């Protein structure tokens, strides 16, 4: 299943002349370059397709830093 997905993605991204806009070309190249990192959830059972859990785990520390004013530098004080 994953091998078929990778083959289809490679064919889709590398279609010559299909992508006219530079931003779309860039996105297609990045999808191909990082496909193994971006689509790990297909291969590994239990891996979520989002990073919401990680974002939520970081949030309390970020809030504490914001409340404490630790995000300011010497110029921003």
Protein backbone atom coordinates (compact mmCIF):
# COMPACT_ATOMS: atom_id res chain seq x y z
CA UNK A 1 0.00 0.00 0.00
CA UNK A 2 2.75 2.49 0.97
CA UNK A 3 4.91 1.58 -2.02
CA UNK A 4 1.94 2.18 -4.32
CA UNK A 5 1.34 5.54 -2.62
CA UNK A 6 5.00 6.55 -3.09
CA UNK A 7 4.92 5.54 -6.76
CA UNK A 8 1.76 7.56 -7.37
CA UNK A 9 3.19 10.57 -5.54
CA UNK A 10 6.43 10.44 -7.53
CA UNK A 11 4.53 10.23 -10.84
CA UNK A 12 2.20 13.04 -9.80
CA UNK A 13 4.97 15.39 -8.67
CA UNK A 14 7.35 14.76 -11.55
CA UNK A 15 4.88 15.31 -14.39
CA UNK A 16 6.79 17.70 -16.63
CA UNK A 17 4.94 20.86 -17.57
CA UNK A 18 2.02 20.20 -15.23
CA UNK A 19 2.99 22.78 -12.64
CA UNK A 20 3.03 26.37 -13.91
CA UNK A 21 3.04 28.38 -10.70
CA UNK A 22 6.37 28.46 -8.84
CA UNK A 23 4.72 27.99 -5.43
CA UNK A 24 2.99 24.82 -6.62
CA UNK A 25 6.25 23.49 -8.06
CA UNK A 26 7.97 24.18 -4.76
CA UNK A 27 5.24 22.44 -2.76
CA UNK A 28 5.32 19.42 -5.07
CA UNK A 29 9.11 19.13 -4.74
CA UNK A 30 8.92 19.38 -0.95
CA UNK A 31 6.20 16.72 -0.82
CA UNK A 32 8.48 14.38 -2.74
CA UNK A 33 11.63 15.27 -0.80
CA UNK A 34 10.08 14.82 2.65
CA UNK A 35 7.51 12.14 1.85
CA UNK A 36 8.94 9.60 4.29
CA UNK A 37 8.84 12.10 7.15
CA UNK A 38 5.45 13.54 6.24
CA UNK A 39 3.68 10.24 5.68
CA UNK A 40 5.07 8.17 8.56
CA UNK A 41 1.53 7.79 9.89
CA UNK A 42 0.76 5.50 6.93
CA UNK A 43 3.55 3.08 7.85
CA UNK A 44 3.54 3.13 11.63
CA UNK A 45 0.33 2.17 13.45
CA UNK A 46 -0.56 4.57 16.23
CA UNK A 47 1.22 7.60 14.76
CA UNK A 48 -1.24 10.46 14.43
CA UNK A 49 -1.42 12.31 11.12
CA UNK A 50 -1.20 15.65 12.94
CA UNK A 51 1.21 17.05 15.52
CA UNK A 52 -1.57 18.24 17.82
CA UNK A 53 -0.37 16.14 20.76
CA UNK A 54 3.12 17.67 20.55
CA UNK A 55 1.69 21.17 20.17
CA UNK A 56 -0.49 20.71 23.24
CA UNK A 57 2.44 19.36 25.25
CA UNK A 58 4.49 22.49 24.47
CA UNK A 59 1.70 24.97 25.11
CA UNK A 60 1.96 25.22 28.95
CA UNK A 61 5.64 26.18 28.72
CA UNK A 62 4.93 28.77 26.06
CA UNK A 63 2.14 30.28 28.14
CA UNK A 64 4.38 30.43 31.20
CA UNK A 65 7.10 32.16 29.17
CA UNK A 66 4.56 34.68 27.83
CA UNK A 67 3.15 35.41 31.28
CA UNK A 68 6.60 35.74 32.82
CA UNK A 69 7.78 38.09 30.08
CA UNK A 70 10.77 35.89 29.27
CA UNK A 71 10.25 36.38 25.55
CA UNK A 72 11.55 39.96 25.75
CA UNK A 73 15.15 40.86 25.00
CA UNK A 74 17.15 43.87 26.25
CA UNK A 75 15.82 46.11 23.48
CA UNK A 76 12.21 45.01 24.08
CA UNK A 77 12.19 45.75 27.82
